[in-house]
Structures are given as C-alpha cells and as structure tokens.
Amino acid sequence: MLENVLYLVGGLVVGIILGFLLSRIIMKKYLDKNPPINEKMIEAMMSGMGRKPSQKQVKQVMNQMNRYK
C-alpha cells in the first residue's frame, strides 16, 4: 500500500518537472519565431504619439527591450 503511494507521488513529481521543462522549451522557441514586438511596431507606436522616429531611436528602443528578455 505504502509502496503504491510512493510510486504515485514520485510519478507526479517527475511529471510536473518534465511538463515544466517541456513547456519552457516550447515557449522559448515560439517567442524566438514570433517576438512580442518588432521594429515596425515601435515605429508605429512612436508615430502614433506624433513623432517620426529615426532608425537610431528605433534601434535604441529595441536594444533596451532585448536587454530585459
């Protein structure tokens, strides 16, 4: 009886760890393929605020965003 409970608990722990690692890998691949924001989005956001951004400004914002990944 106790042996069955230990197998169940062990299986749950292993399943949770494997599920976490697998979902982490899948999310990293997804975010690499589909980044949440890109240069065109930054240009559109800055243009919407009433200013025409230079390429240098766009690159600076992208570098700041990539630092916090």
Protein backbone atom coordinates (compact mmCIF):
# COMPACT_ATOMS: atom_id res chain seq x y z
CA MET A 1 0.00 0.00 0.00
CA LEU A 2 2.70 2.48 1.03
CA GLU A 3 4.73 1.44 -1.99
CA ASN A 4 1.88 2.36 -4.34
CA VAL A 5 1.53 5.79 -2.76
CA LEU A 6 5.27 6.44 -3.14
CA TYR A 7 5.11 5.43 -6.82
CA LEU A 8 2.18 7.79 -7.32
CA VAL A 9 3.92 10.72 -5.62
CA GLY A 10 7.16 10.02 -7.48
CA GLY A 11 5.32 9.86 -10.80
CA LEU A 12 3.56 13.15 -10.10
CA VAL A 13 6.83 14.91 -9.22
CA VAL A 14 8.58 13.61 -12.34
CA GLY A 15 5.57 14.54 -14.50
CA ILE A 16 5.45 18.08 -13.13
CA ILE A 17 9.19 18.60 -13.69
CA LEU A 18 9.09 17.20 -17.23
CA GLY A 19 5.97 19.22 -18.07
CA PHE A 20 7.58 22.43 -16.84
CA LEU A 21 10.79 21.85 -18.82
CA LEU A 22 8.91 20.90 -21.97
CA SER A 23 6.59 23.90 -21.83
CA ARG A 24 9.58 26.21 -21.19
CA ILE A 25 11.38 24.91 -24.28
CA ILE A 26 8.26 25.25 -26.43
CA MET A 27 7.64 28.83 -25.24
CA LYS A 28 11.25 29.86 -25.93
CA LYS A 29 11.02 28.52 -29.49
CA TYR A 30 7.69 30.28 -30.02
CA LEU A 31 8.99 33.63 -28.76
CA ASP A 32 12.11 33.34 -30.93
CA LYS A 33 9.95 32.80 -34.02
CA ASN A 34 7.28 35.35 -33.05
CA PRO A 35 8.82 38.10 -30.95
CA PRO A 36 6.26 40.09 -28.97
CA ILE A 37 7.41 43.38 -30.50
CA ASN A 38 9.48 44.30 -33.54
CA GLU A 39 10.89 47.45 -35.15
CA LYS A 40 7.79 48.15 -37.23
CA MET A 41 5.62 48.05 -34.12
CA ILE A 42 7.94 50.50 -32.36
CA GLU A 43 7.84 52.85 -35.37
CA ALA A 44 4.05 52.69 -35.45
CA MET A 45 3.84 53.36 -31.71
CA MET A 46 6.16 56.37 -31.91
CA SER A 47 4.34 57.70 -35.00
CA GLY A 48 1.07 57.34 -33.12
CA MET A 49 2.49 59.59 -30.41
CA GLY A 50 3.06 62.27 -33.02
CA ARG A 51 6.74 61.96 -33.80
CA LYS A 52 8.69 60.45 -36.66
CA PRO A 53 11.38 58.21 -35.18
CA SER A 54 14.82 57.88 -36.70
CA GLN A 55 16.33 54.46 -37.27
CA LYS A 56 18.78 55.13 -34.43
CA GLN A 57 15.93 55.76 -31.98
CA VAL A 58 14.17 52.58 -33.06
CA LYS A 59 17.38 50.56 -32.59
CA GLN A 60 17.88 52.07 -29.12
CA VAL A 61 14.38 51.05 -28.06
CA MET A 62 14.87 47.54 -29.48
CA ASN A 63 18.17 47.17 -27.60
CA GLN A 64 16.51 48.26 -24.36
CA MET A 65 13.70 45.76 -24.87
CA ASN A 66 16.11 42.92 -25.70
CA ARG A 67 18.10 43.59 -22.54
CA TYR A 68 15.11 42.59 -20.42
CA LYS A 69 14.35 39.28 -22.15
